[in-house]
Amino acid sequence: MRCSFYPSVLVVLTLSATAIQAEEFEPKTEAAVLAASDDWLAAERRGDIAALDRRLMPEYQDIAPNGHAHPRLALIAHAANLKEPSKVPVKQLAAEFRKAHPVIEKVIITGDTALISYYSTNPQSEDVVWSIDVFVYNHGRWQALVSMHNSHS
């Protein structure tokens, strides 16, 4: 009696390999990190909890200028409770944000870690704002680990 175990295993392995290839992997490029940042911004503005869940590492922390850290769940809860979520496409939201916030961006990628640094001298504000977002390349996509903001008068 011949066992049909081996052909079954081959089918499972073939289907698994096909599923892995079908996943979208983001490249380790400056453009991909900036696109991940734009996706995160849009997810927050739209109240898209599923997109935020994918974009933020479980350990994500937002560190405010006063030093208080806000965990990932606080950001997700805020997005979930938006009174008027945005319906604007991701690229348009990002363009509007950059136009309203004169910012100089610098992206540094080292291995599986990327830093986006922002320096803003908004003419409507007396403060100069410095921000850094740290992304980690995890399972084929860029995910935010930390966002830090400091303001200087």
Protein backbone atom coordinates (compact mmCIF):
# COMPACT_ATOMS: atom_id res chain seq x y z
CA MET A 1 0.00 0.00 0.00
CA ARG A 2 1.43 3.30 -1.04
CA CYS A 3 1.20 6.30 1.29
CA SER A 4 -0.12 9.57 -0.10
CA PHE A 5 1.64 11.55 2.62
CA TYR A 6 4.53 12.82 0.47
CA PRO A 7 2.44 14.31 -2.35
CA SER A 8 0.30 16.06 0.30
CA VAL A 9 3.39 17.52 1.93
CA LEU A 10 4.61 18.78 -1.45
CA VAL A 11 1.27 20.47 -2.11
CA VAL A 12 1.34 22.18 1.30
CA LEU A 13 4.94 23.34 0.80
CA THR A 14 4.15 24.66 -2.68
CA LEU A 15 1.09 26.56 -1.41
CA SER A 16 3.10 27.99 1.51
CA ALA A 17 5.88 29.17 -0.80
CA THR A 18 3.31 30.77 -3.11
CA ALA A 19 1.66 32.55 -0.16
CA ILE A 20 5.01 33.89 1.04
CA GLN A 21 5.83 35.19 -2.45
CA ALA A 22 2.39 36.80 -2.70
CA GLU A 23 3.00 38.94 0.41
CA GLU A 24 4.07 42.48 -0.30
CA PHE A 25 7.52 43.24 1.01
CA GLU A 26 8.50 46.88 1.30
CA PRO A 27 12.00 47.69 0.07
CA LYS A 28 14.67 48.98 2.42
CA THR A 29 14.77 52.40 0.79
CA GLU A 30 14.28 56.01 1.83
CA ALA A 31 11.16 56.22 -0.35
CA ALA A 32 9.65 53.15 1.35
CA VAL A 33 10.30 54.58 4.83
CA LEU A 34 8.68 57.88 3.86
CA ALA A 35 5.73 55.99 2.35
CA ALA A 36 5.38 54.05 5.62
CA SER A 37 5.35 57.35 7.51
CA ASP A 38 2.68 58.71 5.14
CA ASP A 39 0.62 55.53 5.58
CA TRP A 40 0.83 55.93 9.36
CA LEU A 41 -0.28 59.59 9.17
CA ALA A 42 -3.21 58.68 6.92
CA ALA A 43 -4.24 55.78 9.18
CA GLU A 44 -4.30 58.14 12.18
CA ARG A 45 -6.31 60.79 10.34
CA ARG A 46 -8.76 58.27 8.90
CA GLY A 47 -9.24 56.28 12.09
CA ASP A 48 -8.01 53.17 10.27
CA ILE A 49 -7.28 50.89 13.21
CA ALA A 50 -6.24 47.91 11.05
CA ALA A 51 -3.64 50.02 9.20
CA LEU A 52 -2.31 51.45 12.49
CA ASP A 53 -2.12 47.96 13.95
CA ARG A 54 0.04 46.86 10.98
CA ARG A 55 2.19 50.02 10.95
CA LEU A 56 3.03 50.29 14.68
CA MET A 57 5.29 47.85 16.53
CA PRO A 58 3.68 46.34 19.66
CA GLU A 59 6.28 48.28 21.73
CA TYR A 60 5.53 51.62 20.01
CA GLN A 61 5.82 54.73 22.20
CA ASP A 62 5.12 58.39 21.41
CA ILE A 63 7.30 60.65 23.57
CA ALA A 64 5.92 64.17 23.97
CA PRO A 65 8.05 67.31 24.50
CA ASN A 66 7.29 67.14 28.25
CA GLY A 67 8.82 63.64 28.37
CA HIS A 68 5.56 61.77 28.86
CA ALA A 69 5.38 58.55 26.89
CA HIS A 70 2.11 57.54 25.27
CA PRO A 71 1.77 53.85 24.35
CA ARG A 72 0.55 52.41 21.08
CA LEU A 73 -2.90 51.66 22.51
CA ALA A 74 -3.45 55.36 23.30
CA LEU A 75 -2.75 56.31 19.68
CA ILE A 76 -5.02 53.57 18.39
CA ALA A 77 -7.80 54.54 20.83
CA HIS A 78 -7.54 58.17 19.73
CA ALA A 79 -7.82 57.17 16.07
CA ALA A 80 -10.76 54.87 16.82
CA ASN A 81 -12.69 57.72 18.43
CA LEU A 82 -12.26 60.42 15.77
CA LYS A 83 -15.43 62.47 15.39
CA GLU A 84 -14.74 63.24 11.70
CA PRO A 85 -12.28 60.77 10.15
CA SER A 86 -10.61 61.98 6.96
CA LYS A 87 -11.57 60.49 3.60
CA VAL A 88 -8.61 62.07 1.78
CA PRO A 89 -6.22 59.71 -0.11
CA VAL A 90 -2.88 58.91 1.56
CA LYS A 91 -0.67 60.89 -0.85
CA GLN A 92 -2.92 63.95 -0.67
CA LEU A 93 -2.98 63.84 3.15
CA ALA A 94 0.82 63.62 3.25
CA ALA A 95 1.19 66.51 0.77
CA GLU A 96 -1.25 68.68 2.76
CA PHE A 97 0.57 67.87 6.01
CA ARG A 98 3.98 68.78 4.54
CA LYS A 99 2.62 71.99 3.02
CA ALA A 100 1.08 73.08 6.34
CA HIS A 101 4.19 72.11 8.34
CA PRO A 102 7.39 73.42 6.77
CA VAL A 103 9.67 70.54 7.62
CA ILE A 104 13.10 69.38 6.65
CA GLU A 105 13.24 65.58 6.54
CA LYS A 106 16.28 63.38 6.69
CA VAL A 107 16.11 59.61 6.45
CA ILE A 108 18.93 57.42 7.72
CA ILE A 109 18.75 53.66 7.21
CA THR A 110 21.13 51.32 9.00
CA GLY A 111 20.35 47.64 8.50
CA ASP A 112 16.79 47.06 9.69
CA THR A 113 16.43 50.44 11.42
CA ALA A 114 15.45 53.76 9.89
CA LEU A 115 15.32 57.21 11.44
CA ILE A 116 13.30 60.07 10.02
CA SER A 117 14.32 63.39 11.54
CA TYR A 118 12.16 66.48 11.20
CA TYR A 119 13.11 70.06 11.89
CA SER A 120 10.29 72.55 11.70
CA THR A 121 10.38 76.32 11.96
CA ASN A 122 6.70 77.06 11.58
CA PRO A 123 6.25 80.82 11.06
CA GLN A 124 3.01 80.74 13.09
CA SER A 125 4.84 79.36 16.12
CA GLU A 126 7.64 80.75 18.26
CA ASP A 127 8.89 77.21 18.92
CA VAL A 128 11.31 75.22 16.83
CA VAL A 129 10.22 71.58 16.77
CA TRP A 130 12.58 68.64 16.41
CA SER A 131 11.10 65.20 15.89
CA ILE A 132 12.50 61.76 15.23
CA ASP A 133 10.54 58.70 14.17
CA VAL A 134 12.25 55.34 14.48
CA PHE A 135 11.11 52.55 12.16
CA VAL A 136 12.11 48.89 12.29
CA TYR A 137 12.00 46.55 9.30
CA ASN A 138 9.88 43.68 10.61
CA HIS A 139 8.44 40.80 8.56
CA GLY A 140 8.96 42.66 5.28
CA ARG A 141 7.52 46.03 6.25
CA TRP A 142 8.55 49.22 8.01
CA GLN A 143 6.88 49.62 11.42
CA ALA A 144 7.14 52.58 13.78
CA LEU A 145 8.83 51.88 17.11
CA VAL A 146 9.21 55.35 18.62
CA SER A 147 8.23 58.92 17.85
CA MET A 148 9.97 61.67 19.85
CA HIS A 149 9.22 65.39 19.81
CA ASN A 150 11.10 68.30 21.39
CA SER A 151 10.31 71.96 21.14
CA HIS A 152 12.76 74.80 21.70
CA SER A 153 11.87 78.46 22.02
